[in-house]
Amino acid sequence: MAEISQAATAATGPLVRRPLAATIAVSAVTLAVTTFELAMADWPSGFVLLAAVPLLALAFFCCLVWSATLLLKIRSDGASFALPFLICAATLAILAYAPLHQIALQQNFRWHRQDRERIVAQVEAGELKPNVAYNKNLIALGDREPNVSAQGNDIVVDETDEGTYVLFLTSRGLKHYFTGFLRVPPGGDPKKFFEFEDRPPSQLVRYDKDWYFVAN
């Protein structure tokens, strides 16, 4: 294994290591921000994204152009100078074709489902009740529970005749914008959640029985 590592290092050569490292770093950050952009849409990080995303896009474009110029060195300095461009090309293909947002949401749903279902059961049993003075529909879970809801670990509940709706936020932005996983009571309609009284959800994706991803 050590011999393979040494051979790979020798193949890249000292001249290509710096552009290779820079390309890997820019590509990794680009993919990370693109994947978790929705989760970072909260206030005030949403404002940071307004500046960070264009700057990151510019940095990636410059990196792509720079790596393309390194292809001219292949004939004189070796094929290792194609590596930065190949990494940029692979990153661009992932950005274009891979459903990064959906992958991140699916992982979020799976990782936190057990804790969220337990919390829903506690709400339905009356063990957890709204505890925020300025909002009768808000339960602040705080540090006593795993971080299952964005920006403060607050959940939104709606008690209805048909049962309890519980919203676990994945993002919360300006003008009351939010996204999250909504658990509806058995046979419930996510469009009847009180947050959608004025207008229907802009996104409504079923994840499992009684579970939906929603956005207003």
N, C-alpha and C. Protein backbone atom coordinates (compact mmCIF):
# COMPACT_ATOMS: atom_id res chain seq x y z
N MET A 1 0.83 -1.20 0.00
CA MET A 1 0.00 0.00 0.00
C MET A 1 0.87 1.25 0.00
N ALA A 2 1.96 1.21 0.79
CA ALA A 2 2.87 2.36 0.85
C ALA A 2 3.54 2.58 -0.48
N GLU A 3 3.87 1.48 -1.17
CA GLU A 3 4.53 1.61 -2.48
C GLU A 3 3.60 2.25 -3.49
N ILE A 4 2.30 1.91 -3.44
CA ILE A 4 1.33 2.51 -4.34
C ILE A 4 1.20 4.00 -4.07
N SER A 5 1.17 4.37 -2.77
CA SER A 5 1.06 5.78 -2.40
C SER A 5 2.27 6.57 -2.89
N GLN A 6 3.46 5.99 -2.71
CA GLN A 6 4.68 6.67 -3.14
C GLN A 6 4.71 6.82 -4.66
N ALA A 7 4.24 5.80 -5.36
CA ALA A 7 4.21 5.86 -6.82
C ALA A 7 3.26 6.94 -7.29
N ALA A 8 2.09 7.06 -6.62
CA ALA A 8 1.11 8.08 -7.01
C ALA A 8 1.66 9.47 -6.76
N THR A 9 2.36 9.63 -5.62
CA THR A 9 2.95 10.93 -5.31
C THR A 9 4.01 11.31 -6.33
N ALA A 10 4.83 10.35 -6.69
CA ALA A 10 5.87 10.62 -7.68
C ALA A 10 5.27 10.93 -9.04
N ALA A 11 4.15 10.30 -9.35
CA ALA A 11 3.51 10.52 -10.65
C ALA A 11 2.97 11.93 -10.77
N THR A 12 2.36 12.42 -9.70
CA THR A 12 1.81 13.78 -9.76
C THR A 12 2.91 14.81 -9.84
N GLY A 13 4.01 14.55 -9.13
CA GLY A 13 5.14 15.47 -9.20
C GLY A 13 4.91 16.73 -8.38
N PRO A 14 6.00 17.38 -7.98
CA PRO A 14 5.88 18.57 -7.15
C PRO A 14 5.19 19.73 -7.85
N LEU A 15 5.28 19.83 -9.17
CA LEU A 15 4.70 20.98 -9.88
C LEU A 15 3.18 20.93 -9.91
N VAL A 16 2.61 19.75 -9.88
CA VAL A 16 1.16 19.64 -10.02
C VAL A 16 0.45 19.54 -8.67
N ARG A 17 1.21 19.37 -7.59
CA ARG A 17 0.59 19.17 -6.29
C ARG A 17 -0.23 20.37 -5.84
N ARG A 18 0.30 21.57 -6.03
CA ARG A 18 -0.41 22.77 -5.57
C ARG A 18 -1.71 22.99 -6.34
N PRO A 19 -1.70 22.97 -7.69
CA PRO A 19 -2.98 23.12 -8.39
C PRO A 19 -3.94 21.97 -8.11
N LEU A 20 -3.41 20.78 -7.89
CA LEU A 20 -4.27 19.64 -7.58
C LEU A 20 -4.96 19.84 -6.23
N ALA A 21 -4.19 20.29 -5.24
CA ALA A 21 -4.76 20.55 -3.91
C ALA A 21 -5.80 21.66 -3.97
N ALA A 22 -5.50 22.73 -4.72
CA ALA A 22 -6.44 23.85 -4.85
C ALA A 22 -7.73 23.40 -5.53
N THR A 23 -7.60 22.60 -6.57
CA THR A 23 -8.77 22.11 -7.29
C THR A 23 -9.64 21.23 -6.39
N ILE A 24 -9.02 20.35 -5.64
CA ILE A 24 -9.75 19.47 -4.73
C ILE A 24 -10.50 20.30 -3.69
N ALA A 25 -9.81 21.31 -3.14
CA ALA A 25 -10.43 22.15 -2.10
C ALA A 25 -11.63 22.91 -2.64
N VAL A 26 -11.46 23.57 -3.78
CA VAL A 26 -12.56 24.36 -4.36
C VAL A 26 -13.72 23.46 -4.74
N SER A 27 -13.44 22.31 -5.32
CA SER A 27 -14.49 21.38 -5.72
C SER A 27 -15.24 20.83 -4.51
N ALA A 28 -14.50 20.50 -3.45
CA ALA A 28 -15.13 19.95 -2.25
C ALA A 28 -16.05 20.98 -1.59
N VAL A 29 -15.57 22.21 -1.49
CA VAL A 29 -16.40 23.27 -0.89
C VAL A 29 -17.63 23.53 -1.75
N THR A 30 -17.46 23.54 -3.06
CA THR A 30 -18.58 23.77 -3.97
C THR A 30 -19.65 22.70 -3.79
N LEU A 31 -19.23 21.44 -3.74
CA LEU A 31 -20.19 20.35 -3.56
C LEU A 31 -20.87 20.41 -2.20
N ALA A 32 -20.10 20.77 -1.16
CA ALA A 32 -20.67 20.84 0.19
C ALA A 32 -21.72 21.93 0.29
N VAL A 33 -21.40 23.11 -0.24
CA VAL A 33 -22.35 24.23 -0.18
C VAL A 33 -23.59 23.92 -1.00
N THR A 34 -23.40 23.32 -2.17
CA THR A 34 -24.54 22.98 -3.02
C THR A 34 -25.44 21.95 -2.35
N THR A 35 -24.83 20.98 -1.68
CA THR A 35 -25.60 19.93 -1.02
C THR A 35 -26.39 20.46 0.16
N PHE A 36 -25.76 21.33 0.97
CA PHE A 36 -26.40 21.77 2.21
C PHE A 36 -26.89 23.22 2.13
N GLU A 37 -27.04 23.73 0.92
CA GLU A 37 -27.50 25.11 0.75
C GLU A 37 -28.87 25.32 1.39
N LEU A 38 -29.75 24.34 1.24
CA LEU A 38 -31.09 24.47 1.80
C LEU A 38 -31.05 24.55 3.32
N ALA A 39 -30.19 23.76 3.94
CA ALA A 39 -30.09 23.78 5.40
C ALA A 39 -29.45 25.05 5.92
N MET A 40 -28.72 25.78 5.07
CA MET A 40 -28.07 27.02 5.48
C MET A 40 -28.88 28.25 5.10
N ALA A 41 -30.14 28.03 4.71
CA ALA A 41 -30.97 29.15 4.27
C ALA A 41 -31.60 29.92 5.42
N ASP A 42 -31.32 29.49 6.67
CA ASP A 42 -31.87 30.18 7.83
C ASP A 42 -31.32 31.59 7.92
N TRP A 43 -32.05 32.42 8.66
CA TRP A 43 -31.55 33.73 9.03
C TRP A 43 -30.59 33.56 10.20
N PRO A 44 -29.38 34.17 10.22
CA PRO A 44 -28.85 35.11 9.21
C PRO A 44 -27.94 34.48 8.17
N SER A 45 -27.76 33.15 8.24
CA SER A 45 -26.83 32.52 7.31
C SER A 45 -27.30 32.64 5.86
N GLY A 46 -28.59 32.86 5.66
CA GLY A 46 -29.10 33.06 4.31
C GLY A 46 -28.48 34.25 3.63
N PHE A 47 -28.22 35.32 4.40
CA PHE A 47 -27.56 36.50 3.84
C PHE A 47 -26.13 36.19 3.43
N VAL A 48 -25.47 35.32 4.21
CA VAL A 48 -24.10 34.93 3.88
C VAL A 48 -24.09 34.19 2.55
N LEU A 49 -25.10 33.33 2.35
CA LEU A 49 -25.18 32.58 1.11
C LEU A 49 -25.35 33.49 -0.11
N LEU A 50 -26.06 34.60 0.07
CA LEU A 50 -26.28 35.52 -1.05
C LEU A 50 -24.95 36.02 -1.62
N ALA A 51 -23.96 36.18 -0.75
CA ALA A 51 -22.64 36.62 -1.21
C ALA A 51 -21.73 35.43 -1.49
N ALA A 52 -21.85 34.39 -0.67
CA ALA A 52 -20.92 33.27 -0.77
C ALA A 52 -21.14 32.45 -2.04
N VAL A 53 -22.39 32.20 -2.41
CA VAL A 53 -22.67 31.34 -3.56
C VAL A 53 -22.13 31.94 -4.86
N PRO A 54 -22.39 33.24 -5.16
CA PRO A 54 -21.80 33.79 -6.39
C PRO A 54 -20.27 33.79 -6.38
N LEU A 55 -19.69 34.09 -5.22
CA LEU A 55 -18.23 34.09 -5.13
C LEU A 55 -17.67 32.68 -5.31
N LEU A 56 -18.36 31.71 -4.75
CA LEU A 56 -17.91 30.33 -4.90
C LEU A 56 -18.06 29.87 -6.35
N ALA A 57 -19.15 30.28 -7.00
CA ALA A 57 -19.34 29.93 -8.41
C ALA A 57 -18.23 30.54 -9.26
N LEU A 58 -17.85 31.78 -8.96
CA LEU A 58 -16.77 32.43 -9.69
C LEU A 58 -15.45 31.71 -9.45
N ALA A 59 -15.20 31.33 -8.18
CA ALA A 59 -13.97 30.62 -7.85
C ALA A 59 -13.89 29.28 -8.58
N PHE A 60 -15.01 28.58 -8.64
CA PHE A 60 -15.01 27.30 -9.34
C PHE A 60 -14.79 27.48 -10.84
N PHE A 61 -15.41 28.51 -11.42
CA PHE A 61 -15.21 28.77 -12.85
C PHE A 61 -13.75 29.09 -13.15
N CYS A 62 -13.15 29.93 -12.30
CA CYS A 62 -11.73 30.26 -12.49
C CYS A 62 -10.86 29.03 -12.34
N CYS A 63 -11.21 28.18 -11.39
CA CYS A 63 -10.46 26.94 -11.18
C CYS A 63 -10.58 26.03 -12.40
N LEU A 64 -11.76 25.98 -12.99
CA LEU A 64 -11.98 25.17 -14.18
C LEU A 64 -11.14 25.66 -15.35
N VAL A 65 -11.13 26.99 -15.55
CA VAL A 65 -10.34 27.57 -16.64
C VAL A 65 -8.85 27.33 -16.40
N TRP A 66 -8.43 27.56 -15.16
CA TRP A 66 -7.02 27.37 -14.80
C TRP A 66 -6.59 25.92 -15.04
N SER A 67 -7.44 24.98 -14.61
CA SER A 67 -7.09 23.57 -14.79
C SER A 67 -7.04 23.21 -16.27
N ALA A 68 -7.87 23.87 -17.09
CA ALA A 68 -7.84 23.61 -18.53
C ALA A 68 -6.51 24.05 -19.14
N THR A 69 -5.96 25.17 -18.63
CA THR A 69 -4.67 25.64 -19.17
C THR A 69 -3.54 24.68 -18.81
N LEU A 70 -3.71 23.92 -17.73
CA LEU A 70 -2.68 22.96 -17.33
C LEU A 70 -2.59 21.79 -18.30
N LEU A 71 -3.64 21.60 -19.08
CA LEU A 71 -3.61 20.51 -20.06
C LEU A 71 -2.50 20.72 -21.09
N LEU A 72 -2.09 21.98 -21.28
CA LEU A 72 -1.03 22.28 -22.22
C LEU A 72 0.32 21.73 -21.76
N LYS A 73 0.42 21.42 -20.46
CA LYS A 73 1.68 20.91 -19.90
C LYS A 73 1.80 19.39 -19.99
N ILE A 74 0.75 18.74 -20.44
CA ILE A 74 0.76 17.27 -20.44
C ILE A 74 1.91 16.73 -21.29
N ARG A 75 2.09 17.29 -22.49
CA ARG A 75 3.11 16.76 -23.39
C ARG A 75 4.51 16.92 -22.83
N SER A 76 4.77 18.05 -22.16
CA SER A 76 6.13 18.29 -21.66
C SER A 76 6.37 17.78 -20.24
N ASP A 77 5.31 17.82 -19.41
CA ASP A 77 5.51 17.50 -17.99
C ASP A 77 4.76 16.26 -17.50
N GLY A 78 3.98 15.63 -18.34
CA GLY A 78 3.34 14.39 -17.93
C GLY A 78 1.83 14.49 -17.81
N ALA A 79 1.19 13.32 -17.84
CA ALA A 79 -0.27 13.24 -17.83
C ALA A 79 -0.89 13.66 -16.50
N SER A 80 -0.05 13.75 -15.45
CA SER A 80 -0.59 14.13 -14.13
C SER A 80 -1.23 15.52 -14.17
N PHE A 81 -0.84 16.35 -15.14
CA PHE A 81 -1.41 17.70 -15.22
C PHE A 81 -2.85 17.69 -15.72
N ALA A 82 -3.34 16.53 -16.10
CA ALA A 82 -4.75 16.42 -16.48
C ALA A 82 -5.65 16.21 -15.25
N LEU A 83 -5.06 15.84 -14.11
CA LEU A 83 -5.85 15.53 -12.93
C LEU A 83 -6.70 16.70 -12.43
N PRO A 84 -6.15 17.92 -12.32
CA PRO A 84 -7.00 19.03 -11.86
C PRO A 84 -8.23 19.25 -12.75
N PHE A 85 -8.04 19.17 -14.07
CA PHE A 85 -9.16 19.36 -14.98
C PHE A 85 -10.17 18.22 -14.84
N LEU A 86 -9.70 17.00 -14.68
CA LEU A 86 -10.61 15.87 -14.52
C LEU A 86 -11.45 16.01 -13.26
N ILE A 87 -10.84 16.52 -12.20
CA ILE A 87 -11.58 16.73 -10.94
C ILE A 87 -12.65 17.79 -11.14
N CYS A 88 -12.29 18.89 -11.81
CA CYS A 88 -13.27 19.95 -12.08
C CYS A 88 -14.40 19.42 -12.96
N ALA A 89 -14.06 18.64 -13.97
CA ALA A 89 -15.07 18.10 -14.88
C ALA A 89 -16.01 17.15 -14.13
N ALA A 90 -15.44 16.33 -13.26
CA ALA A 90 -16.26 15.41 -12.47
C ALA A 90 -17.19 16.18 -11.53
N THR A 91 -16.67 17.24 -10.92
CA THR A 91 -17.49 18.07 -10.03
C THR A 91 -18.62 18.72 -10.81
N LEU A 92 -18.31 19.22 -11.99
CA LEU A 92 -19.33 19.85 -12.83
C LEU A 92 -20.42 18.84 -13.21
N ALA A 93 -20.03 17.63 -13.51
CA ALA A 93 -21.00 16.58 -13.85
C ALA A 93 -21.90 16.26 -12.66
N ILE A 94 -21.31 16.21 -11.47
CA ILE A 94 -22.10 15.94 -10.26
C ILE A 94 -23.10 17.07 -10.03
N LEU A 95 -22.63 18.31 -10.18
CA LEU A 95 -23.52 19.46 -9.98
C LEU A 95 -24.68 19.45 -10.98
N ALA A 96 -24.39 18.99 -12.19
CA ALA A 96 -25.41 19.02 -13.25
C ALA A 96 -26.41 17.87 -13.14
N TYR A 97 -25.96 16.70 -12.69
CA TYR A 97 -26.81 15.52 -12.80
C TYR A 97 -27.18 14.87 -11.47
N ALA A 98 -26.39 15.09 -10.43
CA ALA A 98 -26.69 14.43 -9.15
C ALA A 98 -27.70 15.25 -8.35
N PRO A 99 -28.76 14.64 -7.83
CA PRO A 99 -29.76 15.36 -7.03
C PRO A 99 -29.26 15.59 -5.60
N LEU A 100 -28.34 16.52 -5.45
CA LEU A 100 -27.66 16.72 -4.16
C LEU A 100 -28.63 17.12 -3.06
N HIS A 101 -29.57 18.03 -3.36
CA HIS A 101 -30.54 18.46 -2.35
C HIS A 101 -31.37 17.27 -1.87
N GLN A 102 -31.83 16.47 -2.82
CA GLN A 102 -32.67 15.33 -2.46
C GLN A 102 -31.89 14.31 -1.64
N ILE A 103 -30.63 14.10 -1.98
CA ILE A 103 -29.80 13.17 -1.21
C ILE A 103 -29.64 13.65 0.22
N ALA A 104 -29.37 14.95 0.38
CA ALA A 104 -29.21 15.51 1.72
C ALA A 104 -30.50 15.40 2.53
N LEU A 105 -31.64 15.65 1.90
CA LEU A 105 -32.91 15.57 2.60
C LEU A 105 -33.24 14.13 2.99
N GLN A 106 -32.96 13.19 2.10
CA GLN A 106 -33.22 11.79 2.41
C GLN A 106 -32.39 11.33 3.59
N GLN A 107 -31.11 11.76 3.62
CA GLN A 107 -30.26 11.41 4.75
C GLN A 107 -30.78 12.05 6.04
N ASN A 108 -31.19 13.30 5.95
CA ASN A 108 -31.75 14.00 7.11
C ASN A 108 -32.97 13.25 7.63
N PHE A 109 -33.85 12.84 6.73
CA PHE A 109 -35.07 12.14 7.12
C PHE A 109 -34.75 10.81 7.81
N ARG A 110 -33.82 10.05 7.24
CA ARG A 110 -33.48 8.75 7.81
C ARG A 110 -32.76 8.89 9.15
N TRP A 111 -31.80 9.81 9.23
CA TRP A 111 -31.01 9.95 10.45
C TRP A 111 -31.87 10.34 11.65
N HIS A 112 -32.84 11.20 11.43
CA HIS A 112 -33.60 11.77 12.55
C HIS A 112 -34.99 11.18 12.71
N ARG A 113 -35.35 10.22 11.89
CA ARG A 113 -36.74 9.73 11.92
C ARG A 113 -37.13 9.16 13.28
N GLN A 114 -36.29 8.33 13.85
CA GLN A 114 -36.63 7.69 15.12
C GLN A 114 -36.86 8.73 16.21
N ASP A 115 -35.98 9.71 16.32
CA ASP A 115 -36.13 10.76 17.34
C ASP A 115 -37.39 11.59 17.06
N ARG A 116 -37.65 11.90 15.80
CA ARG A 116 -38.82 12.70 15.47
C ARG A 116 -40.11 11.96 15.78
N GLU A 117 -40.16 10.68 15.50
CA GLU A 117 -41.36 9.91 15.79
C GLU A 117 -41.59 9.80 17.30
N ARG A 118 -40.50 9.71 18.05
CA ARG A 118 -40.64 9.68 19.51
C ARG A 118 -41.19 11.01 20.02
N ILE A 119 -40.69 12.11 19.46
CA ILE A 119 -41.16 13.43 19.87
C ILE A 119 -42.63 13.63 19.49
N VAL A 120 -43.02 13.15 18.30
CA VAL A 120 -44.42 13.22 17.89
C VAL A 120 -45.30 12.47 18.89
N ALA A 121 -44.86 11.30 19.31
CA ALA A 121 -45.63 10.51 20.29
C ALA A 121 -45.77 11.27 21.61
N GLN A 122 -44.71 11.97 22.03
CA GLN A 122 -44.78 12.76 23.26
C GLN A 122 -45.74 13.93 23.12
N VAL A 123 -45.76 14.55 21.94
CA VAL A 123 -46.70 15.65 21.71
C VAL A 123 -48.13 15.13 21.75
N GLU A 124 -48.38 14.01 21.08
CA GLU A 124 -49.73 13.44 21.05
C GLU A 124 -50.18 12.99 22.44
N ALA A 125 -49.23 12.57 23.28
CA ALA A 125 -49.57 12.13 24.62
C ALA A 125 -49.70 13.29 25.60
N GLY A 126 -49.40 14.49 25.15
CA GLY A 126 -49.49 15.65 26.02
C GLY A 126 -48.26 15.88 26.89
N GLU A 127 -47.21 15.10 26.65
CA GLU A 127 -45.99 15.27 27.44
C GLU A 127 -45.19 16.49 26.99
N LEU A 128 -45.33 16.87 25.74
CA LEU A 128 -44.71 18.08 25.22
C LEU A 128 -45.82 19.03 24.76
N LYS A 129 -45.80 20.25 25.26
CA LYS A 129 -46.82 21.23 24.92
C LYS A 129 -46.15 22.54 24.51
N PRO A 130 -46.87 23.38 23.76
CA PRO A 130 -46.31 24.69 23.38
C PRO A 130 -45.79 25.43 24.61
N ASN A 131 -44.57 25.93 24.52
CA ASN A 131 -43.94 26.57 25.67
C ASN A 131 -43.27 27.90 25.32
N VAL A 132 -43.66 28.49 24.18
CA VAL A 132 -43.11 29.77 23.76
C VAL A 132 -44.21 30.81 23.88
N ALA A 133 -43.99 31.83 24.71
CA ALA A 133 -45.04 32.78 25.06
C ALA A 133 -45.63 33.50 23.85
N TYR A 134 -44.80 33.85 22.87
CA TYR A 134 -45.28 34.66 21.76
C TYR A 134 -45.88 33.83 20.63
N ASN A 135 -45.87 32.48 20.73
CA ASN A 135 -46.40 31.64 19.66
C ASN A 135 -47.03 30.40 20.27
N LYS A 136 -48.34 30.27 20.18
CA LYS A 136 -49.06 29.16 20.80
C LYS A 136 -48.87 27.84 20.06
N ASN A 137 -48.24 27.87 18.91
CA ASN A 137 -48.02 26.65 18.13
C ASN A 137 -46.58 26.17 18.19
N LEU A 138 -45.74 26.79 19.00
CA LEU A 138 -44.31 26.50 18.99
C LEU A 138 -43.88 25.77 20.26
N ILE A 139 -43.10 24.71 20.07
CA ILE A 139 -42.49 24.00 21.19
C ILE A 139 -40.98 24.11 21.04
N ALA A 140 -40.34 24.72 22.01
CA ALA A 140 -38.87 24.82 22.02
C ALA A 140 -38.31 23.58 22.70
N LEU A 141 -37.69 22.72 21.91
CA LEU A 141 -37.12 21.49 22.48
C LEU A 141 -35.84 21.76 23.25
N GLY A 142 -35.10 22.77 22.80
CA GLY A 142 -33.85 23.12 23.47
C GLY A 142 -32.81 22.03 23.40
N ASP A 143 -31.91 22.06 24.38
CA ASP A 143 -30.80 21.11 24.40
C ASP A 143 -31.18 19.75 24.97
N ARG A 144 -32.39 19.63 25.50
CA ARG A 144 -32.78 18.36 26.11
C ARG A 144 -33.07 17.28 25.07
N GLU A 145 -33.25 17.69 23.82
CA GLU A 145 -33.52 16.75 22.74
C GLU A 145 -32.45 16.86 21.66
N PRO A 146 -32.26 15.80 20.86
CA PRO A 146 -31.34 15.90 19.71
C PRO A 146 -31.78 17.01 18.78
N ASN A 147 -30.85 17.51 18.01
CA ASN A 147 -31.15 18.62 17.10
C ASN A 147 -31.92 18.10 15.88
N VAL A 148 -33.24 18.09 15.99
CA VAL A 148 -34.10 17.52 14.94
C VAL A 148 -34.82 18.59 14.14
N SER A 149 -34.64 19.86 14.51
CA SER A 149 -35.34 20.95 13.82
C SER A 149 -34.40 22.14 13.74
N ALA A 150 -34.41 22.82 12.60
CA ALA A 150 -33.45 23.90 12.35
C ALA A 150 -33.72 25.12 13.21
N GLN A 151 -32.66 25.90 13.37
CA GLN A 151 -32.69 27.22 14.02
C GLN A 151 -33.38 27.20 15.38
N GLY A 152 -32.67 26.67 16.35
CA GLY A 152 -33.16 26.71 17.72
C GLY A 152 -33.82 25.42 18.19
N ASN A 153 -33.95 24.43 17.30
CA ASN A 153 -34.57 23.17 17.66
C ASN A 153 -36.01 23.35 18.13
N ASP A 154 -36.75 24.21 17.41
CA ASP A 154 -38.16 24.43 17.70
C ASP A 154 -39.02 23.63 16.72
N ILE A 155 -40.13 23.10 17.19
CA ILE A 155 -41.07 22.41 16.32
C ILE A 155 -42.40 23.16 16.35
N VAL A 156 -43.15 23.02 15.27
CA VAL A 156 -44.43 23.70 15.14
C VAL A 156 -45.54 22.66 15.18
N VAL A 157 -46.53 22.87 16.04
CA VAL A 157 -47.62 21.90 16.20
C VAL A 157 -48.95 22.56 15.87
N ASP A 158 -49.84 21.75 15.36
CA ASP A 158 -51.19 22.22 15.02
C ASP A 158 -52.19 21.16 15.48
N GLU A 159 -52.92 21.47 16.58
CA GLU A 159 -53.90 20.54 17.11
C GLU A 159 -55.21 20.72 16.35
N THR A 160 -55.69 19.64 15.73
CA THR A 160 -56.94 19.68 14.98
C THR A 160 -57.86 18.55 15.44
N ASP A 161 -59.09 18.57 14.93
CA ASP A 161 -60.04 17.52 15.31
C ASP A 161 -59.60 16.15 14.82
N GLU A 162 -58.87 16.12 13.71
CA GLU A 162 -58.45 14.85 13.15
C GLU A 162 -57.13 14.35 13.73
N GLY A 163 -56.45 15.19 14.51
CA GLY A 163 -55.19 14.80 15.11
C GLY A 163 -54.19 15.94 15.14
N THR A 164 -52.94 15.62 15.40
CA THR A 164 -51.90 16.64 15.57
C THR A 164 -50.93 16.63 14.40
N TYR A 165 -50.72 17.82 13.84
CA TYR A 165 -49.70 18.02 12.82
C TYR A 165 -48.45 18.53 13.51
N VAL A 166 -47.29 17.96 13.15
CA VAL A 166 -46.02 18.39 13.75
C VAL A 166 -45.03 18.67 12.64
N LEU A 167 -44.48 19.89 12.64
CA LEU A 167 -43.51 20.30 11.62
C LEU A 167 -42.12 20.39 12.23
N PHE A 168 -41.18 19.65 11.63
CA PHE A 168 -39.77 19.73 11.99
C PHE A 168 -39.07 20.52 10.89
N LEU A 169 -38.54 21.66 11.23
CA LEU A 169 -37.97 22.57 10.23
C LEU A 169 -36.62 22.09 9.73
N THR A 170 -36.39 22.27 8.43
CA THR A 170 -35.05 22.10 7.87
C THR A 170 -34.43 23.44 7.53
N SER A 171 -35.26 24.47 7.37
CA SER A 171 -34.76 25.83 7.18
C SER A 171 -35.88 26.80 7.49
N ARG A 172 -35.49 28.01 7.89
CA ARG A 172 -36.47 29.06 8.16
C ARG A 172 -35.84 30.38 7.76
N GLY A 173 -36.44 31.07 6.82
CA GLY A 173 -35.85 32.28 6.29
C GLY A 173 -36.70 33.51 6.54
N LEU A 174 -36.48 34.51 5.70
CA LEU A 174 -37.20 35.77 5.83
C LEU A 174 -38.64 35.63 5.36
N LYS A 175 -39.48 36.56 5.79
CA LYS A 175 -40.89 36.63 5.39
C LYS A 175 -41.62 35.33 5.68
N HIS A 176 -41.26 34.72 6.80
CA HIS A 176 -41.94 33.53 7.29
C HIS A 176 -41.77 32.33 6.35
N TYR A 177 -40.73 32.35 5.54
CA TYR A 177 -40.46 31.21 4.65
C TYR A 177 -39.86 30.07 5.47
N PHE A 178 -40.30 28.84 5.16
CA PHE A 178 -39.75 27.68 5.85
C PHE A 178 -39.81 26.46 4.94
N THR A 179 -38.98 25.48 5.27
CA THR A 179 -39.06 24.14 4.71
C THR A 179 -38.95 23.16 5.87
N GLY A 180 -39.48 21.97 5.69
CA GLY A 180 -39.36 21.02 6.77
C GLY A 180 -40.12 19.73 6.51
N PHE A 181 -39.99 18.81 7.45
CA PHE A 181 -40.69 17.54 7.40
C PHE A 181 -41.94 17.64 8.27
N LEU A 182 -43.09 17.43 7.63
CA LEU A 182 -44.37 17.55 8.32
C LEU A 182 -44.94 16.16 8.56
N ARG A 183 -45.22 15.90 9.82
CA ARG A 183 -45.88 14.64 10.16
C ARG A 183 -47.37 14.96 10.33
N VAL A 184 -48.19 14.28 9.55
CA VAL A 184 -49.64 14.51 9.61
C VAL A 184 -50.28 13.35 10.37
N PRO A 185 -51.44 13.59 10.99
CA PRO A 185 -52.13 12.48 11.66
C PRO A 185 -52.62 11.46 10.63
N PRO A 186 -52.83 10.21 11.05
CA PRO A 186 -53.30 9.19 10.10
C PRO A 186 -54.53 9.66 9.32
N GLY A 187 -54.42 9.60 8.00
CA GLY A 187 -55.52 10.06 7.16
C GLY A 187 -55.55 11.56 6.97
N GLY A 188 -54.58 12.27 7.53
CA GLY A 188 -54.56 13.73 7.44
C GLY A 188 -54.08 14.23 6.09
N ASP A 189 -54.38 15.47 5.81
CA ASP A 189 -54.00 16.13 4.57
C ASP A 189 -52.98 17.21 4.89
N PRO A 190 -51.75 17.12 4.38
CA PRO A 190 -50.74 18.14 4.70
C PRO A 190 -51.17 19.55 4.31
N LYS A 191 -52.05 19.68 3.33
CA LYS A 191 -52.51 21.00 2.91
C LYS A 191 -53.41 21.66 3.95
N LYS A 192 -53.87 20.88 4.94
CA LYS A 192 -54.71 21.42 5.99
C LYS A 192 -53.91 21.95 7.17
N PHE A 193 -52.60 21.80 7.12
CA PHE A 193 -51.74 22.37 8.16
C PHE A 193 -51.96 23.88 8.19
N PHE A 194 -52.07 24.45 9.38
CA PHE A 194 -52.52 25.83 9.51
C PHE A 194 -51.63 26.84 8.78
N GLU A 195 -50.37 26.51 8.57
CA GLU A 195 -49.47 27.42 7.87
C GLU A 195 -49.84 27.57 6.39
N PHE A 196 -50.67 26.66 5.89
CA PHE A 196 -51.06 26.70 4.48
C PHE A 196 -52.50 27.17 4.28
N GLU A 197 -53.04 27.85 5.29
CA GLU A 197 -54.41 28.34 5.17
C GLU A 197 -54.54 29.40 4.08
N ASP A 198 -53.52 30.29 3.97
CA ASP A 198 -53.60 31.39 3.01
C ASP A 198 -53.24 30.94 1.59
N ARG A 199 -52.31 30.01 1.48
CA ARG A 199 -51.92 29.51 0.17
C ARG A 199 -51.36 28.10 0.31
N PRO A 200 -51.51 27.27 -0.71
CA PRO A 200 -51.02 25.89 -0.62
C PRO A 200 -49.50 25.84 -0.59
N PRO A 201 -48.93 24.73 -0.15
CA PRO A 201 -47.46 24.63 -0.10
C PRO A 201 -46.84 24.72 -1.49
N SER A 202 -45.70 25.39 -1.58
CA SER A 202 -44.98 25.47 -2.86
C SER A 202 -44.26 24.18 -3.18
N GLN A 203 -43.95 23.39 -2.14
CA GLN A 203 -43.38 22.06 -2.32
C GLN A 203 -44.14 21.09 -1.42
N LEU A 204 -44.43 19.93 -1.96
CA LEU A 204 -45.12 18.90 -1.18
C LEU A 204 -44.68 17.53 -1.72
N VAL A 205 -43.80 16.88 -0.97
CA VAL A 205 -43.23 15.60 -1.40
C VAL A 205 -43.45 14.57 -0.31
N ARG A 206 -44.10 13.49 -0.65
CA ARG A 206 -44.34 12.44 0.33
C ARG A 206 -43.07 11.62 0.52
N TYR A 207 -42.66 11.45 1.78
CA TYR A 207 -41.48 10.66 2.10
C TYR A 207 -41.83 9.28 2.64
N ASP A 208 -42.93 9.19 3.31
CA ASP A 208 -43.41 7.91 3.83
C ASP A 208 -44.83 8.12 4.33
N LYS A 209 -45.44 7.07 4.84
CA LYS A 209 -46.79 7.19 5.36
C LYS A 209 -46.83 8.26 6.45
N ASP A 210 -47.66 9.26 6.25
CA ASP A 210 -47.89 10.36 7.21
C ASP A 210 -46.71 11.33 7.31
N TRP A 211 -45.71 11.21 6.43
CA TRP A 211 -44.56 12.12 6.44
C TRP A 211 -44.41 12.79 5.09
N TYR A 212 -44.24 14.13 5.12
CA TYR A 212 -44.10 14.92 3.89
C TYR A 212 -43.01 15.96 4.07
N PHE A 213 -42.32 16.24 2.97
CA PHE A 213 -41.44 17.41 2.95
C PHE A 213 -42.25 18.55 2.36
N VAL A 214 -42.28 19.69 3.05
CA VAL A 214 -43.11 20.81 2.63
C VAL A 214 -42.30 22.11 2.63
N ALA A 215 -42.77 23.05 1.85
CA ALA A 215 -42.23 24.41 1.84
C ALA A 215 -43.38 25.35 1.55
N ASN A 216 -43.33 26.53 2.14
CA ASN A 216 -44.42 27.48 1.91
C ASN A 216 -44.03 28.51 0.87
